[in-house]
Amino acid sequence: MKKLYYSIGEVSEITSVEPHVLRYWETIFKDLSPRKNKAGNRTYREQDITLILKLKELVQNKKYSTAGAQKILEEQKSKDETSLESSKLPAETRKDLSEVRVFLEKLMEKL
């Protein structure tokens, strides 16, 4: 069953990325910024997990530096925004579709 929010421990288990690495990546990658609940605990969403898996692929598997990974993500983001802006969909729908695209690309890589 999917949840709306995941704790840092759950995300660590799902992605096989240690919690201290997740906290470090938050300081480097501006798109990775989980919300915090009233107790101050990080709460990650599905889109955060998708981004973490992408970062893991680039940094740990493909051996990109964090700066290199950031550059690639920015290029992909601008490419996605450019292709989606040409459509007549609302901005929120385009963002959701972009997240689905990233998720499906990750899924295809696993198959």
PDB file of N, CA and C in Angstrom:
ATOM      1  N   MET A   1       0.835  -1.190   0.000  1.00  0.00           N
ATOM      2  CA  MET A   1       0.000   0.000   0.000  1.00  0.00           C
ATOM      3  C   MET A   1       0.876   1.247   0.000  1.00  0.00           C
ATOM      4  N   LYS A   2       0.587   2.150  -0.904  1.00  0.00           N
ATOM      5  CA  LYS A   2       1.346   3.390  -0.973  1.00  0.00           C
ATOM      6  C   LYS A   2       0.908   4.314   0.142  1.00  0.00           C
ATOM      7  N   LYS A   3       1.876   5.098   0.613  1.00  0.00           N
ATOM      8  CA  LYS A   3       1.608   6.079   1.646  1.00  0.00           C
ATOM      9  C   LYS A   3       1.822   7.472   1.063  1.00  0.00           C
ATOM     10  N   LEU A   4       1.272   8.465   1.725  1.00  0.00           N
ATOM     11  CA  LEU A   4       1.496   9.839   1.284  1.00  0.00           C
ATOM     12  C   LEU A   4       2.882  10.308   1.694  1.00  0.00           C
ATOM     13  N   TYR A   5       3.298   9.923   2.891  1.00  0.00           N
ATOM     14  CA  TYR A   5       4.578  10.382   3.420  1.00  0.00           C
ATOM     15  C   TYR A   5       5.361   9.213   4.002  1.00  0.00           C
ATOM     16  N   TYR A   6       6.680   9.291   3.858  1.00  0.00           N
ATOM     17  CA  TYR A   6       7.570   8.258   4.371  1.00  0.00           C
ATOM     18  C   TYR A   6       8.611   8.914   5.280  1.00  0.00           C
ATOM     19  N   SER A   7       9.010   8.196   6.309  1.00  0.00           N
ATOM     20  CA  SER A   7      10.061   8.697   7.200  1.00  0.00           C
ATOM     21  C   SER A   7      11.415   8.485   6.543  1.00  0.00           C
ATOM     22  N   ILE A   8      12.443   9.108   7.095  1.00  0.00           N
ATOM     23  CA  ILE A   8      13.784   8.962   6.534  1.00  0.00           C
ATOM     24  C   ILE A   8      14.259   7.508   6.627  1.00  0.00           C
ATOM     25  N   GLY A   9      13.867   6.814   7.682  1.00  0.00           N
ATOM     26  CA  GLY A   9      14.228   5.400   7.824  1.00  0.00           C
ATOM     27  C   GLY A   9      13.582   4.542   6.750  1.00  0.00           C
ATOM     28  N   GLU A  10      12.304   4.810   6.465  1.00  0.00           N
ATOM     29  CA  GLU A  10      11.603   4.055   5.427  1.00  0.00           C
ATOM     30  C   GLU A  10      12.211   4.335   4.055  1.00  0.00           C
ATOM     31  N   VAL A  11      12.525   5.591   3.796  1.00  0.00           N
ATOM     32  CA  VAL A  11      13.132   5.961   2.511  1.00  0.00           C
ATOM     33  C   VAL A  11      14.505   5.304   2.384  1.00  0.00           C
ATOM     34  N   SER A  12      15.233   5.261   3.475  1.00  0.00           N
ATOM     35  CA  SER A  12      16.543   4.621   3.468  1.00  0.00           C
ATOM     36  C   SER A  12      16.422   3.142   3.097  1.00  0.00           C
ATOM     37  N   GLU A  13      15.435   2.475   3.652  1.00  0.00           N
ATOM     38  CA  GLU A  13      15.218   1.057   3.333  1.00  0.00           C
ATOM     39  C   GLU A  13      14.778   0.874   1.882  1.00  0.00           C
ATOM     40  N   ILE A  14      13.867   1.725   1.416  1.00  0.00           N
ATOM     41  CA  ILE A  14      13.342   1.612   0.055  1.00  0.00           C
ATOM     42  C   ILE A  14      14.440   1.838  -0.980  1.00  0.00           C
ATOM     43  N   THR A  15      15.292   2.835  -0.741  1.00  0.00           N
ATOM     44  CA  THR A  15      16.281   3.238  -1.737  1.00  0.00           C
ATOM     45  C   THR A  15      17.668   2.640  -1.502  1.00  0.00           C
ATOM     46  N   SER A  16      17.886   2.050  -0.340  1.00  0.00           N
ATOM     47  CA  SER A  16      19.209   1.534   0.046  1.00  0.00           C
ATOM     48  C   SER A  16      20.252   2.650   0.095  1.00  0.00           C
ATOM     49  N   VAL A  17      19.818   3.815   0.530  1.00  0.00           N
ATOM     50  CA  VAL A  17      20.711   4.958   0.725  1.00  0.00           C
ATOM     51  C   VAL A  17      20.664   5.306   2.206  1.00  0.00           C
ATOM     52  N   GLU A  18      21.814   5.391   2.829  1.00  0.00           N
ATOM     53  CA  GLU A  18      21.879   5.671   4.264  1.00  0.00           C
ATOM     54  C   GLU A  18      21.268   7.025   4.606  1.00  0.00           C
ATOM     55  N   PRO A  19      20.651   7.146   5.793  1.00  0.00           N
ATOM     56  CA  PRO A  19      20.030   8.415   6.193  1.00  0.00           C
ATOM     57  C   PRO A  19      20.992   9.600   6.177  1.00  0.00           C
ATOM     58  N   HIS A  20      22.254   9.392   6.585  1.00  0.00           N
ATOM     59  CA  HIS A  20      23.184  10.525   6.587  1.00  0.00           C
ATOM     60  C   HIS A  20      23.482  11.006   5.167  1.00  0.00           C
ATOM     61  N   VAL A  21      23.434  10.089   4.206  1.00  0.00           N
ATOM     62  CA  VAL A  21      23.632  10.474   2.800  1.00  0.00           C
ATOM     63  C   VAL A  21      22.417  11.268   2.307  1.00  0.00           C
ATOM     64  N   LEU A  22      21.225  10.833   2.703  1.00  0.00           N
ATOM     65  CA  LEU A  22      20.013  11.568   2.318  1.00  0.00           C
ATOM     66  C   LEU A  22      20.056  12.992   2.863  1.00  0.00           C
ATOM     67  N   ARG A  23      20.455  13.141   4.119  1.00  0.00           N
ATOM     68  CA  ARG A  23      20.538  14.484   4.705  1.00  0.00           C
ATOM     69  C   ARG A  23      21.594  15.323   3.999  1.00  0.00           C
ATOM     70  N   TYR A  24      22.705  14.697   3.630  1.00  0.00           N
ATOM     71  CA  TYR A  24      23.761  15.412   2.907  1.00  0.00           C
ATOM     72  C   TYR A  24      23.265  15.860   1.531  1.00  0.00           C
ATOM     73  N   TRP A  25      22.584  14.967   0.816  1.00  0.00           N
ATOM     74  CA  TRP A  25      22.076  15.308  -0.506  1.00  0.00           C
ATOM     75  C   TRP A  25      21.084  16.463  -0.438  1.00  0.00           C
ATOM     76  N   GLU A  26      20.339  16.577   0.667  1.00  0.00           N
ATOM     77  CA  GLU A  26      19.400  17.688   0.823  1.00  0.00           C
ATOM     78  C   GLU A  26      20.133  19.029   0.783  1.00  0.00           C
ATOM     79  N   THR A  27      21.364  19.057   1.267  1.00  0.00           N
ATOM     80  CA  THR A  27      22.124  20.307   1.291  1.00  0.00           C
ATOM     81  C   THR A  27      22.679  20.661  -0.091  1.00  0.00           C
ATOM     82  N   ILE A  28      22.792  19.672  -0.964  1.00  0.00           N
ATOM     83  CA  ILE A  28      23.395  19.882  -2.279  1.00  0.00           C
ATOM     84  C   ILE A  28      22.352  20.056  -3.382  1.00  0.00           C
ATOM     85  N   PHE A  29      21.332  19.221  -3.368  1.00  0.00           N
ATOM     86  CA  PHE A  29      20.333  19.209  -4.442  1.00  0.00           C
ATOM     87  C   PHE A  29      19.080  19.954  -3.988  1.00  0.00           C
ATOM     88  N   LYS A  30      18.836  21.109  -4.590  1.00  0.00           N
ATOM     89  CA  LYS A  30      17.727  21.973  -4.161  1.00  0.00           C
ATOM     90  C   LYS A  30      16.357  21.332  -4.383  1.00  0.00           C
ATOM     91  N   ASP A  31      16.255  20.424  -5.342  1.00  0.00           N
ATOM     92  CA  ASP A  31      14.972  19.771  -5.588  1.00  0.00           C
ATOM     93  C   ASP A  31      14.637  18.720  -4.534  1.00  0.00           C
ATOM     94  N   LEU A  32      15.610  18.314  -3.761  1.00  0.00           N
ATOM     95  CA  LEU A  32      15.380  17.347  -2.694  1.00  0.00           C
ATOM     96  C   LEU A  32      15.236  18.113  -1.378  1.00  0.00           C
ATOM     97  N   SER A  33      14.002  18.396  -1.041  1.00  0.00           N
ATOM     98  CA  SER A  33      13.746  19.147   0.192  1.00  0.00           C
ATOM     99  C   SER A  33      12.465  18.629   0.844  1.00  0.00           C
ATOM    100  N   PRO A  34      12.592  17.524   1.569  1.00  0.00           N
ATOM    101  CA  PRO A  34      11.405  16.957   2.210  1.00  0.00           C
ATOM    102  C   PRO A  34      10.848  17.904   3.268  1.00  0.00           C
ATOM    103  N   ARG A  35       9.551  17.855   3.415  1.00  0.00           N
ATOM    104  CA  ARG A  35       8.913  18.663   4.450  1.00  0.00           C
ATOM    105  C   ARG A  35       9.234  18.060   5.813  1.00  0.00           C
ATOM    106  N   LYS A  36       9.039  18.858   6.829  1.00  0.00           N
ATOM    107  CA  LYS A  36       9.208  18.368   8.196  1.00  0.00           C
ATOM    108  C   LYS A  36       7.870  18.471   8.909  1.00  0.00           C
ATOM    109  N   ASN A  37       7.571  17.458   9.712  1.00  0.00           N
ATOM    110  CA  ASN A  37       6.319  17.488  10.455  1.00  0.00           C
ATOM    111  C   ASN A  37       6.487  18.345  11.714  1.00  0.00           C
ATOM    112  N   LYS A  38       5.460  18.395  12.531  1.00  0.00           N
ATOM    113  CA  LYS A  38       5.503  19.238  13.723  1.00  0.00           C
ATOM    114  C   LYS A  38       6.616  18.833  14.686  1.00  0.00           C
ATOM    115  N   ALA A  39       6.986  17.568  14.678  1.00  0.00           N
ATOM    116  CA  ALA A  39       8.061  17.081  15.549  1.00  0.00           C
ATOM    117  C   ALA A  39       9.443  17.357  14.949  1.00  0.00           C
ATOM    118  N   GLY A  40       9.477  17.870  13.715  1.00  0.00           N
ATOM    119  CA  GLY A  40      10.745  18.166  13.063  1.00  0.00           C
ATOM    120  C   GLY A  40      11.317  17.008  12.263  1.00  0.00           C
ATOM    121  N   ASN A  41      10.558  15.931  12.128  1.00  0.00           N
ATOM    122  CA  ASN A  41      11.014  14.768  11.355  1.00  0.00           C
ATOM    123  C   ASN A  41      10.745  14.988   9.878  1.00  0.00           C
ATOM    124  N   ARG A  42      11.666  14.547   9.054  1.00  0.00           N
ATOM    125  CA  ARG A  42      11.501  14.670   7.608  1.00  0.00           C
ATOM    126  C   ARG A  42      10.389  13.749   7.131  1.00  0.00           C
ATOM    127  N   THR A  43       9.585  14.259   6.202  1.00  0.00           N
ATOM    128  CA  THR A  43       8.537  13.449   5.585  1.00  0.00           C
ATOM    129  C   THR A  43       8.732  13.514   4.067  1.00  0.00           C
ATOM    130  N   TYR A  44       9.041  12.383   3.491  1.00  0.00           N
ATOM    131  CA  TYR A  44       9.324  12.280   2.063  1.00  0.00           C
ATOM    132  C   TYR A  44       8.071  11.842   1.314  1.00  0.00           C
ATOM    133  N   ARG A  45       7.908  12.363   0.092  1.00  0.00           N
ATOM    134  CA  ARG A  45       6.810  11.981  -0.784  1.00  0.00           C
ATOM    135  C   ARG A  45       7.352  11.061  -1.881  1.00  0.00           C
ATOM    136  N   GLU A  46       6.443  10.504  -2.655  1.00  0.00           N
ATOM    137  CA  GLU A  46       6.839   9.616  -3.760  1.00  0.00           C
ATOM    138  C   GLU A  46       7.812  10.321  -4.703  1.00  0.00           C
ATOM    139  N   GLN A  47       7.554  11.590  -5.013  1.00  0.00           N
ATOM    140  CA  GLN A  47       8.427  12.311  -5.943  1.00  0.00           C
ATOM    141  C   GLN A  47       9.825  12.481  -5.350  1.00  0.00           C
ATOM    142  N   ASP A  48       9.929  12.600  -4.026  1.00  0.00           N
ATOM    143  CA  ASP A  48      11.241  12.679  -3.387  1.00  0.00           C
ATOM    144  C   ASP A  48      11.986  11.357  -3.543  1.00  0.00           C
ATOM    145  N   ILE A  49      11.262  10.251  -3.375  1.00  0.00           N
ATOM    146  CA  ILE A  49      11.871   8.929  -3.509  1.00  0.00           C
ATOM    147  C   ILE A  49      12.342   8.700  -4.941  1.00  0.00           C
ATOM    148  N   THR A  50      11.539   9.139  -5.901  1.00  0.00           N
ATOM    149  CA  THR A  50      11.928   9.018  -7.310  1.00  0.00           C
ATOM    150  C   THR A  50      13.217   9.788  -7.581  1.00  0.00           C
ATOM    151  N   LEU A  51      13.304  10.989  -7.038  1.00  0.00           N
ATOM    152  CA  LEU A  51      14.517  11.800  -7.205  1.00  0.00           C
ATOM    153  C   LEU A  51      15.714  11.140  -6.532  1.00  0.00           C
ATOM    154  N   ILE A  52      15.515  10.589  -5.362  1.00  0.00           N
ATOM    155  CA  ILE A  52      16.608   9.917  -4.648  1.00  0.00           C
ATOM    156  C   ILE A  52      17.124   8.729  -5.449  1.00  0.00           C
ATOM    157  N   LEU A  53      16.212   7.978  -6.043  1.00  0.00           N
ATOM    158  CA  LEU A  53      16.634   6.842  -6.872  1.00  0.00           C
ATOM    159  C   LEU A  53      17.429   7.315  -8.086  1.00  0.00           C
ATOM    160  N   LYS A  54      17.024   8.428  -8.661  1.00  0.00           N
ATOM    161  CA  LYS A  54      17.762   9.001  -9.792  1.00  0.00           C
ATOM    162  C   LYS A  54      19.149   9.449  -9.342  1.00  0.00           C
ATOM    163  N   LEU A  55      19.211  10.114  -8.183  1.00  0.00           N
ATOM    164  CA  LEU A  55      20.502  10.555  -7.647  1.00  0.00           C
ATOM    165  C   LEU A  55      21.405   9.368  -7.338  1.00  0.00           C
ATOM    166  N   LYS A  56      20.823   8.338  -6.775  1.00  0.00           N
ATOM    167  CA  LYS A  56      21.602   7.138  -6.452  1.00  0.00           C
ATOM    168  C   LYS A  56      22.195   6.532  -7.720  1.00  0.00           C
ATOM    169  N   GLU A  57      21.392   6.484  -8.761  1.00  0.00           N
ATOM    170  CA  GLU A  57      21.868   5.945 -10.041  1.00  0.00           C
ATOM    171  C   GLU A  57      23.049   6.756 -10.559  1.00  0.00           C
ATOM    172  N   LEU A  58      22.917   8.076 -10.524  1.00  0.00           N
ATOM    173  CA  LEU A  58      23.966   8.936 -11.056  1.00  0.00           C
ATOM    174  C   LEU A  58      25.217   8.945 -10.176  1.00  0.00           C
ATOM    175  N   VAL A  59      25.046   9.125  -8.881  1.00  0.00           N
ATOM    176  CA  VAL A  59      26.188   9.317  -7.984  1.00  0.00           C
ATOM    177  C   VAL A  59      26.852   7.995  -7.593  1.00  0.00           C
ATOM    178  N   GLN A  60      26.051   7.023  -7.193  1.00  0.00           N
ATOM    179  CA  GLN A  60      26.640   5.786  -6.691  1.00  0.00           C
ATOM    180  C   GLN A  60      26.892   4.757  -7.784  1.00  0.00           C
ATOM    181  N   ASN A  61      25.987   4.630  -8.731  1.00  0.00           N
ATOM    182  CA  ASN A  61      26.143   3.595  -9.754  1.00  0.00           C
ATOM    183  C   ASN A  61      26.962   4.055 -10.958  1.00  0.00           C
ATOM    184  N   LYS A  62      26.671   5.254 -11.460  1.00  0.00           N
ATOM    185  CA  LYS A  62      27.387   5.756 -12.635  1.00  0.00           C
ATOM    186  C   LYS A  62      28.610   6.590 -12.264  1.00  0.00           C
ATOM    187  N   LYS A  63      28.823   6.800 -10.967  1.00  0.00           N
ATOM    188  CA  LYS A  63      30.024   7.462 -10.429  1.00  0.00           C
ATOM    189  C   LYS A  63      30.170   8.921 -10.850  1.00  0.00           C
ATOM    190  N   TYR A  64      29.040   9.621 -11.036  1.00  0.00           N
ATOM    191  CA  TYR A  64      29.098  11.060 -11.279  1.00  0.00           C
ATOM    192  C   TYR A  64      29.412  11.767  -9.965  1.00  0.00           C
ATOM    193  N   SER A  65      30.067  12.912 -10.066  1.00  0.00           N
ATOM    194  CA  SER A  65      30.228  13.746  -8.877  1.00  0.00           C
ATOM    195  C   SER A  65      28.863  14.370  -8.583  1.00  0.00           C
ATOM    196  N   THR A  66      28.711  14.921  -7.389  1.00  0.00           N
ATOM    197  CA  THR A  66      27.434  15.561  -7.076  1.00  0.00           C
ATOM    198  C   THR A  66      27.190  16.750  -7.999  1.00  0.00           C
ATOM    199  N   ALA A  67      28.243  17.470  -8.349  1.00  0.00           N
ATOM    200  CA  ALA A  67      28.100  18.598  -9.271  1.00  0.00           C
ATOM    201  C   ALA A  67      27.672  18.104 -10.656  1.00  0.00           C
ATOM    202  N   GLY A  68      28.245  17.007 -11.104  1.00  0.00           N
ATOM    203  CA  GLY A  68      27.873  16.438 -12.395  1.00  0.00           C
ATOM    204  C   GLY A  68      26.439  15.942 -12.401  1.00  0.00           C
ATOM    205  N   ALA A  69      26.046  15.300 -11.319  1.00  0.00           N
ATOM    206  CA  ALA A  69      24.672  14.810 -11.206  1.00  0.00           C
ATOM    207  C   ALA A  69      23.692  15.981 -11.205  1.00  0.00           C
ATOM    208  N   GLN A  70      24.059  17.046 -10.508  1.00  0.00           N
ATOM    209  CA  GLN A  70      23.198  18.221 -10.449  1.00  0.00           C
ATOM    210  C   GLN A  70      23.035  18.835 -11.843  1.00  0.00           C
ATOM    211  N   LYS A  71      24.111  18.881 -12.587  1.00  0.00           N
ATOM    212  CA  LYS A  71      24.054  19.433 -13.940  1.00  0.00           C
ATOM    213  C   LYS A  71      23.134  18.598 -14.837  1.00  0.00           C
ATOM    214  N   ILE A  72      23.261  17.285 -14.743  1.00  0.00           N
ATOM    215  CA  ILE A  72      22.427  16.394 -15.542  1.00  0.00           C
ATOM    216  C   ILE A  72      20.957  16.564 -15.176  1.00  0.00           C
ATOM    217  N   LEU A  73      20.667  16.632 -13.881  1.00  0.00           N
ATOM    218  CA  LEU A  73      19.282  16.805 -13.443  1.00  0.00           C
ATOM    219  C   LEU A  73      18.697  18.130 -13.929  1.00  0.00           C
ATOM    220  N   GLU A  74      19.492  19.184 -13.886  1.00  0.00           N
ATOM    221  CA  GLU A  74      19.023  20.492 -14.365  1.00  0.00           C
ATOM    222  C   GLU A  74      18.746  20.450 -15.863  1.00  0.00           C
ATOM    223  N   GLU A  75      19.610  19.775 -16.625  1.00  0.00           N
ATOM    224  CA  GLU A  75      19.401  19.650 -18.065  1.00  0.00           C
ATOM    225  C   GLU A  75      18.121  18.875 -18.362  1.00  0.00           C
ATOM    226  N   GLN A  76      17.926  17.768 -17.641  1.00  0.00           N
ATOM    227  CA  GLN A  76      16.722  16.968 -17.851  1.00  0.00           C
ATOM    228  C   GLN A  76      15.475  17.743 -17.456  1.00  0.00           C
ATOM    229  N   LYS A  77      15.568  18.497 -16.380  1.00  0.00           N
ATOM    230  CA  LYS A  77      14.422  19.275 -15.913  1.00  0.00           C
ATOM    231  C   LYS A  77      14.032  20.336 -16.947  1.00  0.00           C
ATOM    232  N   SER A  78      15.024  21.038 -17.484  1.00  0.00           N
ATOM    233  CA  SER A  78      14.710  22.073 -18.471  1.00  0.00           C
ATOM    234  C   SER A  78      14.179  21.442 -19.758  1.00  0.00           C
ATOM    235  N   LYS A  79      14.711  20.281 -20.123  1.00  0.00           N
ATOM    236  CA  LYS A  79      14.227  19.569 -21.313  1.00  0.00           C
ATOM    237  C   LYS A  79      12.773  19.139 -21.108  1.00  0.00           C
ATOM    238  N   ASP A  80      12.470  18.589 -19.927  1.00  0.00           N
ATOM    239  CA  ASP A  80      11.106  18.163 -19.620  1.00  0.00           C
ATOM    240  C   ASP A  80      10.158  19.353 -19.604  1.00  0.00           C
ATOM    241  N   GLU A  81      10.583  20.450 -19.001  1.00  0.00           N
ATOM    242  CA  GLU A  81       9.729  21.637 -18.932  1.00  0.00           C
ATOM    243  C   GLU A  81       9.461  22.198 -20.317  1.00  0.00           C
ATOM    244  N   THR A  82      10.478  22.202 -21.169  1.00  0.00           N
ATOM    245  CA  THR A  82      10.323  22.724 -22.518  1.00  0.00           C
ATOM    246  C   THR A  82       9.337  21.882 -23.311  1.00  0.00           C
ATOM    247  N   SER A  83       9.458  20.570 -23.212  1.00  0.00           N
ATOM    248  CA  SER A  83       8.555  19.705 -23.974  1.00  0.00           C
ATOM    249  C   SER A  83       7.140  19.763 -23.424  1.00  0.00           C
ATOM    250  N   LEU A  84       6.995  19.923 -22.108  1.00  0.00           N
ATOM    251  CA  LEU A  84       5.664  19.962 -21.531  1.00  0.00           C
ATOM    252  C   LEU A  84       5.009  21.336 -21.669  1.00  0.00           C
ATOM    253  N   GLU A  85       5.806  22.394 -21.750  1.00  0.00           N
ATOM    254  CA  GLU A  85       5.241  23.738 -21.877  1.00  0.00           C
ATOM    255  C   GLU A  85       4.516  23.915 -23.197  1.00  0.00           C
ATOM    256  N   SER A  86       4.959  23.172 -24.190  1.00  0.00           N
ATOM    257  CA  SER A  86       4.322  23.312 -25.496  1.00  0.00           C
ATOM    258  C   SER A  86       2.899  22.752 -25.495  1.00  0.00           C
ATOM    259  N   SER A  87       2.588  21.921 -24.518  1.00  0.00           N
ATOM    260  CA  SER A  87       1.233  21.385 -24.447  1.00  0.00           C
ATOM    261  C   SER A  87       0.319  22.387 -23.751  1.00  0.00           C
ATOM    262  N   LYS A  88      -0.970  22.135 -23.834  1.00  0.00           N
ATOM    263  CA  LYS A  88      -1.943  23.052 -23.255  1.00  0.00           C
ATOM    264  C   LYS A  88      -2.427  22.583 -21.894  1.00  0.00           C
ATOM    265  N   LEU A  89      -1.629  21.764 -21.215  1.00  0.00           N
ATOM    266  CA  LEU A  89      -2.013  21.256 -19.900  1.00  0.00           C
ATOM    267  C   LEU A  89      -1.671  22.259 -18.814  1.00  0.00           C
ATOM    268  N   PRO A  90      -2.418  22.253 -17.707  1.00  0.00           N
ATOM    269  CA  PRO A  90      -2.076  23.127 -16.578  1.00  0.00           C
ATOM    270  C   PRO A  90      -0.699  22.776 -16.018  1.00  0.00           C
ATOM    271  N   ALA A  91      -0.049  23.741 -15.400  1.00  0.00           N
ATOM    272  CA  ALA A  91       1.311  23.554 -14.883  1.00  0.00           C
ATOM    273  C   ALA A  91       1.392  22.396 -13.895  1.00  0.00           C
ATOM    274  N   GLU A  92       0.414  22.269 -13.022  1.00  0.00           N
ATOM    275  CA  GLU A  92       0.438  21.193 -12.023  1.00  0.00           C
ATOM    276  C   GLU A  92       0.344  19.823 -12.694  1.00  0.00           C
ATOM    277  N   THR A  93      -0.479  19.712 -13.720  1.00  0.00           N
ATOM    278  CA  THR A  93      -0.613  18.454 -14.455  1.00  0.00           C
ATOM    279  C   THR A  93       0.694  18.122 -15.163  1.00  0.00           C
ATOM    280  N   ARG A  94       1.342  19.130 -15.757  1.00  0.00           N
ATOM    281  CA  ARG A  94       2.633  18.900 -16.419  1.00  0.00           C
ATOM    282  C   ARG A  94       3.661  18.410 -15.415  1.00  0.00           C
ATOM    283  N   LYS A  95       3.657  18.987 -14.221  1.00  0.00           N
ATOM    284  CA  LYS A  95       4.605  18.570 -13.177  1.00  0.00           C
ATOM    285  C   LYS A  95       4.345  17.118 -12.783  1.00  0.00           C
ATOM    286  N   ASP A  96       3.068  16.777 -12.588  1.00  0.00           N
ATOM    287  CA  ASP A  96       2.715  15.399 -12.237  1.00  0.00           C
ATOM    288  C   ASP A  96       3.148  14.423 -13.329  1.00  0.00           C
ATOM    289  N   LEU A  97       2.927  14.802 -14.573  1.00  0.00           N
ATOM    290  CA  LEU A  97       3.323  13.941 -15.692  1.00  0.00           C
ATOM    291  C   LEU A  97       4.837  13.772 -15.749  1.00  0.00           C
ATOM    292  N   SER A  98       5.550  14.826 -15.435  1.00  0.00           N
ATOM    293  CA  SER A  98       7.006  14.756 -15.410  1.00  0.00           C
ATOM    294  C   SER A  98       7.477  13.772 -14.343  1.00  0.00           C
ATOM    295  N   GLU A  99       6.838  13.807 -13.184  1.00  0.00           N
ATOM    296  CA  GLU A  99       7.186  12.883 -12.110  1.00  0.00           C
ATOM    297  C   GLU A  99       6.874  11.437 -12.501  1.00  0.00           C
ATOM    298  N   VAL A 100       5.755  11.239 -13.171  1.00  0.00           N
ATOM    299  CA  VAL A 100       5.387   9.900 -13.628  1.00  0.00           C
ATOM    300  C   VAL A 100       6.413   9.403 -14.641  1.00  0.00           C
ATOM    301  N   ARG A 101       6.848  10.297 -15.524  1.00  0.00           N
ATOM    302  CA  ARG A 101       7.844   9.931 -16.531  1.00  0.00           C
ATOM    303  C   ARG A 101       9.131   9.440 -15.874  1.00  0.00           C
ATOM    304  N   VAL A 102       9.615  10.176 -14.863  1.00  0.00           N
ATOM    305  CA  VAL A 102      10.837   9.792 -14.160  1.00  0.00           C
ATOM    306  C   VAL A 102      10.649   8.437 -13.489  1.00  0.00           C
ATOM    307  N   PHE A 103       9.499   8.240 -12.866  1.00  0.00           N
ATOM    308  CA  PHE A 103       9.217   6.970 -12.202  1.00  0.00           C
ATOM    309  C   PHE A 103       9.220   5.823 -13.206  1.00  0.00           C
ATOM    310  N   LEU A 104       8.569   6.021 -14.346  1.00  0.00           N
ATOM    311  CA  LEU A 104       8.502   4.966 -15.358  1.00  0.00           C
ATOM    312  C   LEU A 104       9.873   4.671 -15.965  1.00  0.00           C
ATOM    313  N   GLU A 105      10.699   5.697 -16.135  1.00  0.00           N
ATOM    314  CA  GLU A 105      12.053   5.475 -16.640  1.00  0.00           C
ATOM    315  C   GLU A 105      12.842   4.616 -15.659  1.00  0.00           C
ATOM    316  N   LYS A 106      12.695   4.883 -14.370  1.00  0.00           N
ATOM    317  CA  LYS A 106      13.375   4.083 -13.348  1.00  0.00           C
ATOM    318  C   LYS A 106      12.880   2.640 -13.388  1.00  0.00           C
ATOM    319  N   LEU A 107      11.583   2.484 -13.540  1.00  0.00           N
ATOM    320  CA  LEU A 107      10.989   1.158 -13.589  1.00  0.00           C
ATOM    321  C   LEU A 107      11.504   0.383 -14.796  1.00  0.00           C
ATOM    322  N   MET A 108      11.605   1.062 -15.934  1.00  0.00           N
ATOM    323  CA  MET A 108      12.112   0.415 -17.145  1.00  0.00           C
ATOM    324  C   MET A 108      13.564  -0.029 -16.968  1.00  0.00           C
ATOM    325  N   GLU A 109      14.359   0.760 -16.266  1.00  0.00           N
ATOM    326  CA  GLU A 109      15.762   0.399 -16.035  1.00  0.00           C
ATOM    327  C   GLU A 109      15.883  -0.863 -15.188  1.00  0.00           C
ATOM    328  N   LYS A 110      14.913  -1.060 -14.293  1.00  0.00           N
ATOM    329  CA  LYS A 110      14.943  -2.224 -13.414  1.00  0.00           C
ATOM    330  C   LYS A 110      14.521  -3.494 -14.140  1.00  0.00           C
ATOM    331  N   LEU A 111      13.772  -3.352 -15.227  1.00  0.00           N
ATOM    332  CA  LEU A 111      13.292  -4.529 -15.961  1.00  0.00           C
ATOM    333  C   LEU A 111      14.323  -5.093 -16.888  1.00  0.00           C
TER     334      LEU A 111
END
